[in-house]
């Protein structure tokens, strides 16, 4: 896959295709680590959120599902 950099103000931006974003489970809140090795640039999720780990949106969805399922238990615990 070959992509180009896009001028954005004083910076250059690498636009990731939606298929790549989806395959890696990334979103606009995912911190990315950039590593340079000679002429090679490696981009990885900085928080270790690679395959098998949950993204922030997945965690929020799981919390909401838990709240709906156990609302009564949470209410009693809060008392």
N, C-alpha and C. Protein backbone atom coordinates (compact mmCIF):
# COMPACT_ATOMS: atom_id res chain seq x y z
N UNK A 1 0.85 -1.17 0.00
CA UNK A 1 0.00 0.00 0.00
C UNK A 1 0.90 1.24 0.00
N UNK A 2 0.62 2.14 -0.89
CA UNK A 2 1.39 3.38 -0.99
C UNK A 2 0.44 4.54 -0.71
N UNK A 3 0.84 5.41 0.20
CA UNK A 3 0.06 6.60 0.53
C UNK A 3 0.95 7.83 0.39
N UNK A 4 0.35 8.98 0.30
CA UNK A 4 1.10 10.24 0.19
C UNK A 4 0.83 11.11 1.42
N UNK A 5 1.78 11.99 1.69
CA UNK A 5 1.60 12.96 2.76
C UNK A 5 0.82 14.14 2.22
N UNK A 6 0.00 14.75 3.07
CA UNK A 6 -0.84 15.89 2.70
C UNK A 6 -0.40 17.09 3.52
N UNK A 7 -0.23 18.25 2.90
CA UNK A 7 0.14 19.48 3.60
C UNK A 7 -1.01 19.91 4.49
N UNK A 8 -0.71 20.20 5.76
CA UNK A 8 -1.72 20.64 6.73
C UNK A 8 -1.10 21.75 7.56
N UNK A 9 -1.28 22.99 7.13
CA UNK A 9 -0.64 24.11 7.81
C UNK A 9 0.87 24.01 7.63
N UNK A 10 1.61 24.00 8.74
CA UNK A 10 3.06 23.88 8.71
C UNK A 10 3.51 22.42 8.73
N UNK A 11 2.57 21.49 8.87
CA UNK A 11 2.90 20.07 9.01
C UNK A 11 2.50 19.28 7.77
N UNK A 12 2.95 18.03 7.76
CA UNK A 12 2.50 17.07 6.76
C UNK A 12 1.68 16.02 7.50
N UNK A 13 0.62 15.56 6.87
CA UNK A 13 -0.31 14.61 7.48
C UNK A 13 -0.33 13.33 6.67
N UNK A 14 -0.29 12.19 7.38
CA UNK A 14 -0.47 10.90 6.73
C UNK A 14 -1.91 10.48 6.97
N UNK A 15 -2.67 10.34 5.91
CA UNK A 15 -4.07 9.96 6.02
C UNK A 15 -4.16 8.45 5.90
N UNK A 16 -4.73 7.81 6.92
CA UNK A 16 -4.88 6.36 6.91
C UNK A 16 -6.22 5.98 6.29
N UNK A 17 -6.21 5.06 5.35
CA UNK A 17 -7.47 4.62 4.74
C UNK A 17 -8.38 3.97 5.80
N UNK A 18 -9.69 4.11 5.65
CA UNK A 18 -10.63 3.53 6.62
C UNK A 18 -10.41 2.04 6.87
N UNK A 19 -10.03 1.29 5.85
CA UNK A 19 -9.80 -0.15 6.03
C UNK A 19 -8.65 -0.41 6.99
N UNK A 20 -7.61 0.41 6.94
CA UNK A 20 -6.47 0.26 7.85
C UNK A 20 -6.88 0.62 9.27
N UNK A 21 -7.60 1.73 9.41
CA UNK A 21 -8.07 2.17 10.73
C UNK A 21 -8.94 1.09 11.37
N UNK A 22 -9.84 0.53 10.60
CA UNK A 22 -10.74 -0.50 11.12
C UNK A 22 -9.98 -1.77 11.47
N UNK A 23 -9.08 -2.20 10.59
CA UNK A 23 -8.33 -3.43 10.82
C UNK A 23 -7.48 -3.36 12.08
N UNK A 24 -6.96 -2.16 12.40
CA UNK A 24 -6.11 -1.99 13.57
C UNK A 24 -6.88 -1.55 14.81
N UNK A 25 -8.18 -1.29 14.67
CA UNK A 25 -8.98 -0.86 15.81
C UNK A 25 -8.59 0.52 16.31
N UNK A 26 -8.23 1.41 15.40
CA UNK A 26 -7.81 2.77 15.78
C UNK A 26 -9.00 3.71 15.73
N UNK A 27 -8.88 4.82 16.45
CA UNK A 27 -9.82 5.92 16.32
C UNK A 27 -9.06 7.22 16.56
N UNK A 28 -9.76 8.35 16.53
CA UNK A 28 -9.07 9.64 16.66
C UNK A 28 -8.44 9.86 18.03
N UNK A 29 -8.74 9.00 19.00
CA UNK A 29 -8.19 9.13 20.34
C UNK A 29 -7.03 8.17 20.61
N UNK A 30 -6.69 7.33 19.65
CA UNK A 30 -5.63 6.35 19.85
C UNK A 30 -4.26 7.03 19.77
N UNK A 31 -3.49 7.00 20.87
CA UNK A 31 -2.13 7.56 20.79
C UNK A 31 -1.25 6.62 19.96
N UNK A 32 -0.42 7.21 19.11
CA UNK A 32 0.45 6.42 18.24
C UNK A 32 1.91 6.69 18.56
N UNK A 33 2.71 5.64 18.52
CA UNK A 33 4.16 5.76 18.73
C UNK A 33 4.84 5.70 17.36
N UNK A 34 5.71 6.67 17.09
CA UNK A 34 6.47 6.72 15.85
C UNK A 34 7.91 6.33 16.15
N UNK A 35 8.43 5.36 15.40
CA UNK A 35 9.82 4.93 15.57
C UNK A 35 10.51 5.00 14.23
N UNK A 36 11.72 5.55 14.23
CA UNK A 36 12.50 5.68 13.02
C UNK A 36 13.72 4.78 13.11
N UNK A 37 13.92 3.96 12.07
CA UNK A 37 15.08 3.07 11.99
C UNK A 37 15.66 3.24 10.60
N UNK A 38 16.67 4.10 10.50
CA UNK A 38 17.22 4.41 9.18
C UNK A 38 16.18 5.13 8.34
N UNK A 39 15.78 4.54 7.23
CA UNK A 39 14.77 5.11 6.35
C UNK A 39 13.40 4.50 6.58
N UNK A 40 13.23 3.76 7.66
CA UNK A 40 11.96 3.07 7.94
C UNK A 40 11.22 3.78 9.08
N UNK A 41 9.95 4.06 8.88
CA UNK A 41 9.07 4.64 9.89
C UNK A 41 8.07 3.57 10.30
N UNK A 42 8.02 3.28 11.60
CA UNK A 42 7.06 2.32 12.13
C UNK A 42 6.07 3.05 13.01
N UNK A 43 4.78 2.83 12.79
CA UNK A 43 3.72 3.47 13.57
C UNK A 43 2.96 2.37 14.30
N UNK A 44 2.91 2.44 15.63
CA UNK A 44 2.19 1.45 16.43
C UNK A 44 1.35 2.17 17.49
N UNK A 45 0.25 1.56 17.93
CA UNK A 45 -0.51 2.15 19.03
C UNK A 45 0.38 2.27 20.26
N UNK A 46 0.44 3.45 20.87
CA UNK A 46 1.33 3.70 22.00
C UNK A 46 0.87 3.01 23.27
N UNK A 47 -0.42 2.73 23.38
CA UNK A 47 -0.94 2.13 24.60
C UNK A 47 -1.01 0.61 24.51
N UNK A 48 -0.38 0.03 23.50
CA UNK A 48 -0.40 -1.41 23.35
C UNK A 48 -1.71 -1.94 22.82
N UNK A 49 -2.59 -1.07 22.35
CA UNK A 49 -3.91 -1.53 21.89
C UNK A 49 -3.81 -2.10 20.49
N UNK A 50 -3.20 -3.27 20.40
CA UNK A 50 -3.12 -3.98 19.13
C UNK A 50 -4.16 -5.06 19.13
N UNK A 51 -4.12 -5.93 18.17
CA UNK A 51 -5.13 -6.97 18.05
C UNK A 51 -5.30 -7.70 19.37
N UNK A 52 -6.53 -7.86 19.79
CA UNK A 52 -6.81 -8.55 21.03
C UNK A 52 -7.09 -7.60 22.18
N UNK A 53 -6.69 -6.36 22.08
CA UNK A 53 -6.96 -5.39 23.14
C UNK A 53 -8.12 -4.50 22.70
N UNK A 54 -8.77 -3.88 23.67
CA UNK A 54 -9.96 -3.09 23.38
C UNK A 54 -9.62 -1.62 23.15
N UNK A 55 -10.35 -1.01 22.23
CA UNK A 55 -10.22 0.42 22.01
C UNK A 55 -11.10 1.15 23.03
N UNK A 56 -10.93 2.46 23.13
CA UNK A 56 -11.71 3.25 24.07
C UNK A 56 -13.21 3.13 23.80
N UNK A 57 -13.60 3.08 22.52
CA UNK A 57 -15.03 2.97 22.21
C UNK A 57 -15.58 1.60 22.60
N UNK A 58 -14.77 0.56 22.47
CA UNK A 58 -15.21 -0.78 22.89
C UNK A 58 -15.37 -0.85 24.41
N UNK A 59 -14.46 -0.21 25.13
CA UNK A 59 -14.54 -0.19 26.59
C UNK A 59 -15.78 0.58 27.03
N UNK A 60 -16.06 1.71 26.39
CA UNK A 60 -17.24 2.49 26.74
C UNK A 60 -18.51 1.70 26.47
N UNK A 61 -18.54 0.96 25.36
CA UNK A 61 -19.71 0.14 25.04
C UNK A 61 -19.89 -0.97 26.07
N UNK A 62 -18.81 -1.59 26.50
CA UNK A 62 -18.88 -2.65 27.50
C UNK A 62 -19.36 -2.09 28.84
N UNK A 63 -18.90 -0.89 29.21
CA UNK A 63 -19.34 -0.27 30.46
C UNK A 63 -20.83 0.04 30.41
N UNK A 64 -21.30 0.53 29.28
CA UNK A 64 -22.73 0.83 29.13
C UNK A 64 -23.57 -0.45 29.22
N UNK A 65 -23.11 -1.50 28.59
CA UNK A 65 -23.83 -2.78 28.63
C UNK A 65 -23.87 -3.31 30.06
N UNK A 66 -22.76 -3.19 30.78
CA UNK A 66 -22.70 -3.62 32.17
C UNK A 66 -23.65 -2.81 33.04
N UNK A 67 -23.68 -1.50 32.80
CA UNK A 67 -24.57 -0.64 33.58
C UNK A 67 -26.04 -1.03 33.34
N UNK A 68 -26.39 -1.29 32.10
CA UNK A 68 -27.77 -1.68 31.80
C UNK A 68 -28.11 -3.02 32.46
N UNK A 69 -27.20 -3.95 32.38
CA UNK A 69 -27.46 -5.30 32.90
C UNK A 69 -27.50 -5.33 34.43
N UNK A 70 -26.63 -4.58 35.08
CA UNK A 70 -26.49 -4.66 36.54
C UNK A 70 -26.90 -3.37 37.25
N UNK A 71 -27.78 -2.60 36.65
CA UNK A 71 -28.18 -1.30 37.22
C UNK A 71 -28.69 -1.45 38.66
N UNK A 72 -29.52 -2.44 38.91
CA UNK A 72 -30.07 -2.63 40.26
C UNK A 72 -28.96 -2.97 41.25
N UNK A 73 -28.06 -3.83 40.88
CA UNK A 73 -26.96 -4.21 41.77
C UNK A 73 -26.09 -2.99 42.07
N UNK A 74 -25.79 -2.19 41.04
CA UNK A 74 -24.97 -0.99 41.26
C UNK A 74 -25.69 -0.01 42.18
N UNK A 75 -27.01 0.10 42.03
CA UNK A 75 -27.79 1.00 42.87
C UNK A 75 -27.71 0.56 44.33
N UNK A 76 -27.88 -0.76 44.57
CA UNK A 76 -27.79 -1.27 45.94
C UNK A 76 -26.39 -1.09 46.53
N UNK A 77 -25.39 -1.30 45.74
CA UNK A 77 -24.01 -1.11 46.21
C UNK A 77 -23.73 0.34 46.59
N UNK A 78 -24.36 1.26 45.88
CA UNK A 78 -24.14 2.68 46.14
C UNK A 78 -24.80 3.16 47.43
N UNK A 79 -25.78 2.40 47.92
CA UNK A 79 -26.51 2.82 49.12
C UNK A 79 -25.72 2.58 50.38
